[in-house]
Amino acid sequence: MPSSEPTNNPQGISLLTCLSLVTATMVGTGVYTSLGFQLQDLQSGFSILCLWVLGGLISLCGALSYAELAARIPRSGGEYTYFSEIYHPALGFMTACVSLIAGFAAPISLSAIAFGTYLHAALPVCPTRLSTLSAVVLISLLHLGSLKRSSLLQNGMTGLKFLLVGLFMGAGIASTLRHPAALRLLLPQPDSLSELVRPTSGIALLFVLYAYSGWNAVTYLAGEVKSPRTTVGMSLVIGTLSVTLFYLLLNGVFLTAAPENDLRGVLNVGSVAAHHLIGPVGGRIMSGIIALGLLASISAMVWAGPRVTQRVGEDYPALSWLAKTRNSIPTRAILLQLALIISMIAFGSFETVLVFAQIPLLFCLMLGVIGLIVCRQRSPNSASTVIPFTCPMYPLPPLVFLACSGAGLIYSVITKPWIALAGVALMLIPLFLHQWISQTRHP
């Protein structure tokens, strides 16, 4: 159902900034923290790399599906806009609440915690908790400026992030080429395939899916993008493919740079790998590089998240205070998000926040992909004649995404039932409140 809104915004966000937003959102906490937890359940480097390939495939299928949704509905708000138009405003309101808490506040909190950990490893004089809180407060305040400032800030931080991490990867690849025997760690072992079908691999896959989350980031700002019907979809697909390759190379470097026993169960695996690769000083330098890179991820999510809250304020008079802007910046939405982030940092553990966020997020992403199927059924002829981007090999990508994400969702509920219950509550409470919110008028 194509939107009637203008499809071109000459002064809007460019494709380069969209790519910067997607890659910066995806390449954050997950890839720098997941490997240590994965090695608690898996022993083979080949099995771990297979899971990262699978995570990339699942994310690409989701990105292809969302690219067509963005072409059909080129407006800001992400799932909030899609669900409100495709299903019912109540589901849109539900996913807006999920996005605010689990989609942005929780991942930003995790990235900030990882930032504090890595910065402390680089500069022990920097207290972890103070660094964590300072990062989110400072970046949130910077995004209270103009759209131009936000674009420049995001492009600059993302460029620096990949440049510095690229230098580390280059050193790791060069070291592996000098010692090719290390590559044996990444080759299939006799029990590699059997290891992949064990229940423990499901936990490792959850960490992978968390690392890939954020591939849909640009959809939250689609209304501010130049030519959103085409630019948003291109950035989702190109960004996801680029990040998949990056993840494979980076995890290959981590696995070959340090012994598995030194990486297993460690949060800051990048520091440990760099310590083995280029010495103690190099380990501290790499920790600082990763900390700077995490700032780009925090910035991307701080920028995108409040746009959903702003849309809710525009649509519901009772929440109109959330739509207040200054220089087109949703200041109150940014400040609300900041308050939630600080609360999670103060009261939540890393693993609890991660699992709590993943369950409602996976569910909402699945509903989004199902939304494409619903749109196709409602307007079967428009896909080839009106929509500028259509999902290739449809319906295979949506079905692959739904099958794999559904399996991950079920496994999460089975293994972490109490945390899963909290995630379910996060979805149900807004549904019950929607009728009251929609009927209440602002005084």
Protein backbone atom coordinates (compact mmCIF):
# COMPACT_ATOMS: atom_id res chain seq x y z
CA MET A 1 0.00 0.00 0.00
CA PRO A 2 2.13 2.88 -1.19
CA SER A 3 2.01 6.03 0.84
CA SER A 4 0.73 9.24 -0.61
CA GLU A 5 3.53 11.21 1.02
CA PRO A 6 6.28 12.78 -1.11
CA THR A 7 8.94 10.28 -2.07
CA ASN A 8 11.78 12.73 -2.46
CA ASN A 9 13.41 14.98 0.12
CA PRO A 10 16.34 16.87 -1.52
CA GLN A 11 17.55 18.19 1.84
CA GLY A 12 17.21 14.83 3.58
CA ILE A 13 19.62 12.11 4.67
CA SER A 14 21.86 10.73 1.90
CA LEU A 15 22.56 7.10 1.00
CA LEU A 16 26.03 7.42 2.55
CA THR A 17 24.57 8.51 5.88
CA CYS A 18 21.94 5.75 5.69
CA LEU A 19 24.71 3.18 5.19
CA SER A 20 26.62 4.76 8.05
CA LEU A 21 23.55 4.46 10.27
CA VAL A 22 22.90 0.80 9.38
CA THR A 23 26.50 -0.37 9.77
CA ALA A 24 27.13 1.65 12.93
CA THR A 25 23.95 0.29 14.55
CA MET A 26 24.78 -3.30 13.66
CA VAL A 27 28.51 -3.31 14.40
CA GLY A 28 28.34 -2.62 18.09
CA THR A 29 28.26 -4.57 21.30
CA GLY A 30 27.41 -7.96 19.81
CA VAL A 31 30.47 -8.68 17.70
CA TYR A 32 32.85 -7.49 20.43
CA THR A 33 31.22 -9.49 23.23
CA SER A 34 29.45 -12.54 21.73
CA LEU A 35 32.42 -14.79 20.98
CA GLY A 36 33.33 -15.32 24.63
CA PHE A 37 29.80 -16.52 25.41
CA GLN A 38 29.62 -18.66 22.25
CA LEU A 39 32.80 -20.52 23.21
CA GLN A 40 31.05 -21.65 26.39
CA ASP A 41 28.72 -23.76 24.24
CA LEU A 42 30.77 -24.51 21.10
CA GLN A 43 34.31 -25.82 20.68
CA SER A 44 34.88 -25.51 16.92
CA GLY A 45 35.86 -22.26 15.23
CA PHE A 46 34.23 -23.58 12.06
CA SER A 47 30.90 -24.06 13.88
CA ILE A 48 31.05 -20.51 15.22
CA LEU A 49 31.76 -19.04 11.78
CA CYS A 50 28.86 -21.08 10.35
CA LEU A 51 26.55 -19.47 12.90
CA TRP A 52 27.77 -16.01 11.86
CA VAL A 53 27.05 -16.89 8.21
CA LEU A 54 23.59 -18.13 9.20
CA GLY A 55 22.96 -14.94 11.17
CA GLY A 56 23.96 -12.88 8.12
CA LEU A 57 21.63 -14.90 5.87
CA ILE A 58 18.71 -14.48 8.28
CA SER A 59 19.35 -10.74 8.55
CA LEU A 60 19.66 -10.37 4.76
CA CYS A 61 16.31 -12.10 4.29
CA GLY A 62 14.79 -9.67 6.79
CA ALA A 63 16.48 -6.69 5.10
CA LEU A 64 15.17 -7.70 1.67
CA SER A 65 11.66 -7.97 3.07
CA TYR A 66 11.87 -4.62 4.86
CA ALA A 67 13.35 -2.97 1.76
CA GLU A 68 10.10 -3.62 -0.10
CA LEU A 69 8.07 -2.48 2.91
CA ALA A 70 10.05 0.77 2.94
CA ALA A 71 9.32 1.23 -0.77
CA ARG A 72 5.61 0.70 -0.15
CA ILE A 73 5.42 2.86 3.02
CA PRO A 74 8.20 5.50 2.81
CA ARG A 75 7.56 7.15 6.17
CA SER A 76 9.49 7.38 9.43
CA GLY A 77 8.65 5.20 12.40
CA GLY A 78 9.74 1.70 11.32
CA GLU A 79 7.50 -1.05 12.65
CA TYR A 80 5.24 1.50 14.35
CA THR A 81 4.23 2.94 10.98
CA TYR A 82 4.10 -0.44 9.23
CA PHE A 83 1.98 -2.17 11.87
CA SER A 84 -0.42 0.76 12.22
CA GLU A 85 -1.10 0.79 8.47
CA ILE A 86 -0.98 -2.95 7.76
CA TYR A 87 -2.58 -4.43 10.88
CA HIS A 88 -4.12 -2.16 13.51
CA PRO A 89 -3.04 0.96 15.44
CA ALA A 90 -2.97 -1.13 18.65
CA LEU A 91 -0.17 -3.28 17.24
CA GLY A 92 1.60 -0.15 16.07
CA PHE A 93 1.42 1.29 19.59
CA MET A 94 2.68 -2.01 21.01
CA THR A 95 5.72 -2.11 18.76
CA ALA A 96 6.48 1.54 19.49
CA CYS A 97 6.73 0.68 23.18
CA VAL A 98 8.88 -2.35 22.33
CA SER A 99 11.12 -0.20 20.15
CA LEU A 100 11.51 2.44 22.84
CA ILE A 101 12.50 -0.03 25.58
CA ALA A 102 13.85 -3.20 23.92
CA GLY A 103 14.77 -1.85 20.50
CA PHE A 104 16.79 1.19 21.55
CA ALA A 105 17.12 1.78 25.30
CA ALA A 106 18.29 -1.79 25.98
CA PRO A 107 20.83 -2.04 23.11
CA ILE A 108 22.17 1.43 23.91
CA SER A 109 22.58 0.35 27.53
CA LEU A 110 24.48 -2.79 26.46
CA SER A 111 26.71 -0.81 24.11
CA ALA A 112 27.41 1.72 26.86
CA ILE A 113 28.29 -1.05 29.33
CA ALA A 114 30.66 -2.58 26.77
CA PHE A 115 32.11 0.87 26.09
CA GLY A 116 32.87 1.37 29.77
CA THR A 117 34.47 -2.09 30.00
CA TYR A 118 36.69 -1.57 26.96
CA LEU A 119 37.64 1.97 27.95
CA HIS A 120 38.65 0.78 31.42
CA ALA A 121 40.80 -1.93 29.81
CA ALA A 122 42.49 0.76 27.70
CA LEU A 123 42.74 3.39 30.46
CA PRO A 124 42.40 1.82 33.93
CA VAL A 125 42.08 5.31 35.46
CA CYS A 126 38.63 5.64 33.80
CA PRO A 127 35.94 4.12 36.08
CA THR A 128 33.73 1.71 34.16
CA ARG A 129 30.35 2.89 35.50
CA LEU A 130 31.17 6.60 35.19
CA SER A 131 32.42 6.13 31.61
CA THR A 132 29.27 4.21 30.73
CA LEU A 133 26.93 6.91 32.00
CA SER A 134 29.01 9.78 30.61
CA ALA A 135 28.94 8.31 27.09
CA VAL A 136 25.15 8.09 26.81
CA VAL A 137 24.55 11.50 28.41
CA LEU A 138 27.10 13.30 26.21
CA ILE A 139 25.94 11.70 22.95
CA SER A 140 22.28 12.32 23.75
CA LEU A 141 23.04 16.00 24.38
CA LEU A 142 24.97 16.26 21.09
CA HIS A 143 21.96 14.91 19.16
CA LEU A 144 19.80 17.67 20.62
CA GLY A 145 21.36 19.97 18.00
CA SER A 146 20.48 20.02 14.29
CA LEU A 147 19.92 17.25 11.74
CA LYS A 148 23.09 18.39 9.94
CA ARG A 149 25.12 18.06 13.13
CA SER A 150 23.72 14.56 13.72
CA SER A 151 24.63 13.50 10.16
CA LEU A 152 28.18 14.87 10.43
CA LEU A 153 28.64 13.31 13.87
CA GLN A 154 27.40 9.92 12.67
CA ASN A 155 29.44 9.86 9.44
CA GLY A 156 32.63 10.96 11.20
CA MET A 157 32.36 8.48 14.07
CA THR A 158 31.45 5.59 11.78
CA GLY A 159 34.31 6.35 9.38
CA LEU A 160 36.82 6.50 12.25
CA LYS A 161 35.37 3.31 13.72
CA PHE A 162 35.88 1.19 10.60
CA LEU A 163 39.25 2.73 9.80
CA LEU A 164 40.70 1.85 13.19
CA VAL A 165 39.14 -1.62 13.40
CA GLY A 166 40.26 -2.21 9.80
CA LEU A 167 43.85 -1.58 10.85
CA PHE A 168 43.51 -4.20 13.59
CA MET A 169 41.98 -6.68 11.16
CA GLY A 170 44.81 -6.04 8.73
CA ALA A 171 47.34 -6.84 11.46
CA GLY A 172 45.44 -10.02 12.32
CA ILE A 173 45.21 -11.21 8.72
CA ALA A 174 48.92 -10.47 8.17
CA SER A 175 49.79 -12.48 11.30
CA THR A 176 47.67 -15.41 10.10
CA LEU A 177 49.35 -15.37 6.71
CA ARG A 178 52.74 -15.56 8.45
CA HIS A 179 51.49 -18.48 10.57
CA PRO A 180 49.07 -20.39 8.29
CA ALA A 181 48.83 -23.25 10.78
CA ALA A 182 46.46 -21.04 12.80
CA LEU A 183 43.89 -21.39 10.03
CA ARG A 184 43.33 -25.00 11.07
CA LEU A 185 41.24 -23.63 13.93
CA LEU A 186 38.70 -22.40 11.36
CA LEU A 187 38.49 -25.62 9.32
CA PRO A 188 35.79 -28.29 9.84
CA GLN A 189 36.52 -30.81 12.59
CA PRO A 190 35.01 -34.32 12.86
CA ASP A 191 32.34 -33.13 15.29
CA SER A 192 31.70 -29.65 13.81
CA LEU A 193 28.44 -30.49 12.04
CA SER A 194 27.04 -32.50 14.95
CA GLU A 195 27.89 -29.60 17.26
CA LEU A 196 25.76 -27.26 15.13
CA VAL A 197 22.59 -29.29 15.69
CA ARG A 198 22.97 -29.58 19.46
CA PRO A 199 20.61 -27.51 21.63
CA THR A 200 23.57 -25.50 22.95
CA SER A 201 24.09 -23.99 19.49
CA GLY A 202 20.71 -22.27 19.89
CA ILE A 203 22.09 -20.10 22.69
CA ALA A 204 25.11 -19.20 20.57
CA LEU A 205 22.81 -18.27 17.66
CA LEU A 206 20.88 -15.89 19.94
CA PHE A 207 24.08 -13.94 20.54
CA VAL A 208 24.70 -13.87 16.78
CA LEU A 209 21.20 -12.56 16.05
CA TYR A 210 21.69 -9.91 18.70
CA ALA A 211 24.95 -8.85 16.99
CA TYR A 212 23.10 -8.48 13.67
CA SER A 213 20.20 -6.53 15.15
CA GLY A 214 19.90 -3.00 13.80
CA TRP A 215 19.78 -3.84 10.08
CA ASN A 216 16.37 -2.10 10.00
CA ALA A 217 17.63 1.13 11.61
CA VAL A 218 17.04 3.45 8.63
CA THR A 219 13.33 2.62 8.50
CA TYR A 220 12.87 4.70 11.65
CA LEU A 221 14.04 7.83 9.81
CA ALA A 222 12.68 7.01 6.34
CA GLY A 223 10.68 10.22 6.13
CA GLU A 224 13.89 12.25 6.52
CA VAL A 225 15.77 10.37 3.74
CA LYS A 226 16.35 11.54 0.17
CA SER A 227 14.25 9.36 -2.19
CA PRO A 228 13.20 6.99 0.62
CA ARG A 229 11.45 4.48 -1.66
CA THR A 230 14.81 3.41 -3.09
CA THR A 231 17.50 4.73 -0.73
CA VAL A 232 16.20 3.02 2.42
CA GLY A 233 16.06 -0.42 0.78
CA MET A 234 19.50 -0.06 -0.81
CA SER A 235 21.06 0.90 2.52
CA LEU A 236 19.44 -2.07 4.31
CA VAL A 237 20.68 -4.65 1.81
CA ILE A 238 24.15 -3.22 1.14
CA GLY A 239 24.72 -2.53 4.83
CA THR A 240 23.72 -6.06 5.88
CA LEU A 241 25.97 -7.71 3.27
CA SER A 242 28.92 -5.50 4.26
CA VAL A 243 28.48 -6.22 7.96
CA THR A 244 28.24 -9.99 7.35
CA LEU A 245 31.63 -9.99 5.62
CA PHE A 246 33.08 -7.78 8.34
CA TYR A 247 31.83 -10.12 11.09
CA LEU A 248 33.33 -13.19 9.45
CA LEU A 249 36.75 -11.55 9.07
CA LEU A 250 36.76 -10.07 12.57
CA ASN A 251 35.73 -13.32 14.30
CA GLY A 252 38.30 -15.20 12.24
CA VAL A 253 40.96 -12.80 13.54
CA PHE A 254 39.75 -13.18 17.14
CA LEU A 255 39.77 -17.00 16.94
CA THR A 256 43.24 -17.25 15.42
CA ALA A 257 44.83 -14.52 17.55
CA ALA A 258 44.22 -15.97 21.03
CA PRO A 259 43.74 -19.43 22.61
CA GLU A 260 40.11 -20.43 23.08
CA ASN A 261 40.57 -20.83 26.83
CA ASP A 262 41.59 -17.18 27.12
CA LEU A 263 38.52 -16.03 25.16
CA ARG A 264 35.90 -18.30 26.72
CA GLY A 265 33.43 -16.43 28.94
CA VAL A 266 35.23 -13.08 28.48
CA LEU A 267 33.21 -9.94 27.68
CA ASN A 268 36.01 -7.91 26.05
CA VAL A 269 37.30 -10.55 23.60
CA GLY A 270 38.78 -7.82 21.38
CA SER A 271 41.17 -6.76 24.14
CA VAL A 272 42.29 -10.34 24.77
CA ALA A 273 42.82 -11.03 21.06
CA ALA A 274 44.80 -7.83 20.59
CA HIS A 275 46.91 -8.58 23.67
CA HIS A 276 48.00 -11.89 22.10
CA LEU A 277 48.37 -10.40 18.65
CA ILE A 278 50.37 -7.24 19.31
CA GLY A 279 51.33 -7.35 22.98
CA PRO A 280 50.02 -5.70 26.19
CA VAL A 281 50.31 -2.18 24.83
CA GLY A 282 48.59 -3.24 21.61
CA GLY A 283 45.82 -4.81 23.67
CA ARG A 284 45.18 -1.55 25.46
CA ILE A 285 45.25 0.38 22.18
CA MET A 286 42.77 -2.04 20.62
CA SER A 287 40.51 -1.70 23.65
CA GLY A 288 40.50 2.06 23.09
CA ILE A 289 39.76 1.60 19.39
CA ILE A 290 36.79 -0.65 20.12
CA ALA A 291 35.56 1.78 22.77
CA LEU A 292 35.59 4.59 20.20
CA GLY A 293 33.77 2.34 17.74
CA LEU A 294 31.06 1.60 20.27
CA LEU A 295 30.42 5.34 20.55
CA ALA A 296 29.36 5.29 16.87
CA SER A 297 26.85 2.52 17.63
CA ILE A 298 25.48 4.41 20.62
CA SER A 299 25.19 7.56 18.50
CA ALA A 300 23.29 5.77 15.71
CA MET A 301 20.70 4.33 18.08
CA VAL A 302 20.35 7.54 20.11
CA TRP A 303 19.63 9.32 16.82
CA ALA A 304 17.10 6.85 15.39
CA GLY A 305 15.13 5.76 18.45
CA PRO A 306 13.38 9.01 19.42
CA ARG A 307 11.86 9.30 15.92
CA VAL A 308 9.49 6.44 16.79
CA THR A 309 8.49 8.08 20.07
CA GLN A 310 7.94 11.36 18.22
CA ARG A 311 5.57 9.67 15.77
CA VAL A 312 3.57 8.24 18.67
CA GLY A 313 3.25 11.72 20.16
CA GLU A 314 2.03 13.06 16.82
CA ASP A 315 -0.64 10.37 16.51
CA TYR A 316 -1.96 10.26 20.08
CA PRO A 317 -3.15 13.54 21.70
CA ALA A 318 -2.64 12.12 25.19
CA LEU A 319 1.08 11.74 24.40
CA SER A 320 1.46 14.90 22.33
CA TRP A 321 4.16 16.18 24.68
CA LEU A 322 6.48 13.55 23.17
CA ALA A 323 6.17 15.18 19.74
CA LYS A 324 7.56 18.53 20.86
CA THR A 325 10.58 19.49 18.74
CA ARG A 326 13.24 22.18 18.61
CA ASN A 327 14.86 22.78 15.21
CA SER A 328 13.06 19.61 14.02
CA ILE A 329 14.79 17.60 16.78
CA PRO A 330 12.49 15.52 19.09
CA THR A 331 14.06 16.83 22.29
CA ARG A 332 11.59 15.35 24.77
CA ALA A 333 11.71 11.93 23.10
CA ILE A 334 15.51 11.98 23.32
CA LEU A 335 15.40 12.88 27.01
CA LEU A 336 12.84 10.14 27.74
CA GLN A 337 15.05 7.60 26.01
CA LEU A 338 18.04 8.82 28.02
CA ALA A 339 16.14 8.31 31.30
CA LEU A 340 15.32 4.70 30.34
CA ILE A 341 18.93 4.02 29.35
CA ILE A 342 20.27 5.27 32.67
CA SER A 343 17.73 3.11 34.54
CA MET A 344 18.79 -0.05 32.67
CA ILE A 345 22.47 0.65 33.23
CA ALA A 346 21.82 1.14 36.94
CA PHE A 347 19.64 -1.91 37.58
CA GLY A 348 20.17 -4.54 34.81
CA SER A 349 22.92 -7.11 34.15
CA PHE A 350 24.35 -7.49 30.65
CA GLU A 351 22.94 -10.97 29.90
CA THR A 352 19.51 -10.29 31.43
CA VAL A 353 19.01 -7.10 29.41
CA LEU A 354 20.14 -8.88 26.23
CA VAL A 355 17.74 -11.83 26.50
CA PHE A 356 14.88 -9.61 27.70
CA ALA A 357 15.28 -7.38 24.65
CA GLN A 358 15.69 -10.15 22.07
CA ILE A 359 12.34 -11.86 22.63
CA PRO A 360 9.98 -8.92 21.88
CA LEU A 361 12.34 -7.66 19.16
CA LEU A 362 12.34 -10.96 17.28
CA PHE A 363 8.57 -11.15 17.57
CA CYS A 364 8.12 -7.62 16.16
CA LEU A 365 10.58 -8.25 13.32
CA MET A 366 8.64 -11.39 12.43
CA LEU A 367 5.39 -9.40 12.37
CA GLY A 368 7.09 -6.87 10.11
CA VAL A 369 8.13 -9.53 7.61
CA ILE A 370 4.64 -11.06 7.74
CA GLY A 371 3.41 -7.55 6.95
CA LEU A 372 5.09 -7.77 3.54
CA ILE A 373 3.17 -10.98 2.81
CA VAL A 374 -0.06 -9.25 3.86
CA CYS A 375 0.70 -6.27 1.57
CA ARG A 376 1.36 -8.60 -1.34
CA GLN A 377 -1.92 -10.41 -0.76
CA ARG A 378 -3.87 -7.16 -0.59
CA SER A 379 -2.32 -5.68 -3.74
CA PRO A 380 -0.89 -8.59 -5.77
CA ASN A 381 -0.41 -6.63 -8.98
CA SER A 382 1.30 -3.55 -7.55
CA ALA A 383 4.57 -5.32 -6.73
CA SER A 384 5.73 -5.30 -10.37
CA THR A 385 4.13 -2.09 -11.60
CA VAL A 386 4.26 0.54 -8.85
CA ILE A 387 6.78 -0.40 -6.14
CA PRO A 388 10.35 0.66 -7.09
CA PHE A 389 11.94 -2.13 -5.02
CA THR A 390 10.58 -5.67 -4.73
CA CYS A 391 11.93 -8.51 -2.62
CA PRO A 392 13.87 -10.87 -4.96
CA MET A 393 12.99 -14.59 -4.92
CA TYR A 394 9.80 -13.81 -2.99
CA PRO A 395 8.47 -15.56 -0.88
CA LEU A 396 11.71 -17.40 -0.02
CA PRO A 397 13.44 -14.59 1.99
CA PRO A 398 10.41 -13.88 4.22
CA LEU A 399 9.86 -17.60 4.84
CA VAL A 400 13.53 -18.21 5.72
CA PHE A 401 13.53 -15.27 8.11
CA LEU A 402 10.29 -16.37 9.79
CA ALA A 403 11.41 -20.01 10.19
CA CYS A 404 14.82 -19.18 11.67
CA SER A 405 13.65 -16.30 13.87
CA GLY A 406 10.70 -18.38 15.08
CA ALA A 407 13.06 -21.17 16.11
CA GLY A 408 15.23 -18.68 17.99
CA LEU A 409 12.18 -17.19 19.68
CA ILE A 410 10.91 -20.59 20.85
CA TYR A 411 14.35 -21.57 22.12
CA SER A 412 14.63 -18.31 24.08
CA VAL A 413 11.30 -18.95 25.78
CA ILE A 414 12.28 -22.52 26.71
CA THR A 415 15.74 -21.68 28.07
CA LYS A 416 14.93 -18.38 29.83
CA PRO A 417 11.22 -18.64 30.79
CA TRP A 418 11.15 -15.90 33.46
CA ILE A 419 13.01 -13.38 31.34
CA ALA A 420 10.81 -14.40 28.40
CA LEU A 421 7.75 -13.69 30.55
CA ALA A 422 9.00 -10.15 31.12
CA GLY A 423 9.46 -9.74 27.36
CA VAL A 424 5.91 -10.96 26.73
CA ALA A 425 4.62 -8.53 29.34
CA LEU A 426 6.36 -5.70 27.49
CA MET A 427 4.20 -6.56 24.46
CA LEU A 428 0.92 -7.21 26.24
CA ILE A 429 0.77 -4.15 28.52
CA PRO A 430 0.72 -1.61 25.62
CA LEU A 431 -2.02 -3.62 23.91
CA PHE A 432 -4.20 -3.35 27.02
CA LEU A 433 -3.41 0.36 27.40
CA HIS A 434 -3.97 1.30 23.76
CA GLN A 435 -7.72 1.86 23.91
CA TRP A 436 -7.40 4.11 26.97
CA ILE A 437 -4.49 6.06 25.42
CA SER A 438 -6.28 6.48 22.10
CA GLN A 439 -9.46 7.79 23.74
CA THR A 440 -7.74 10.14 26.18
CA ARG A 441 -7.38 13.72 25.00
CA HIS A 442 -4.58 16.06 25.95
CA PRO A 443 -5.80 18.58 28.53
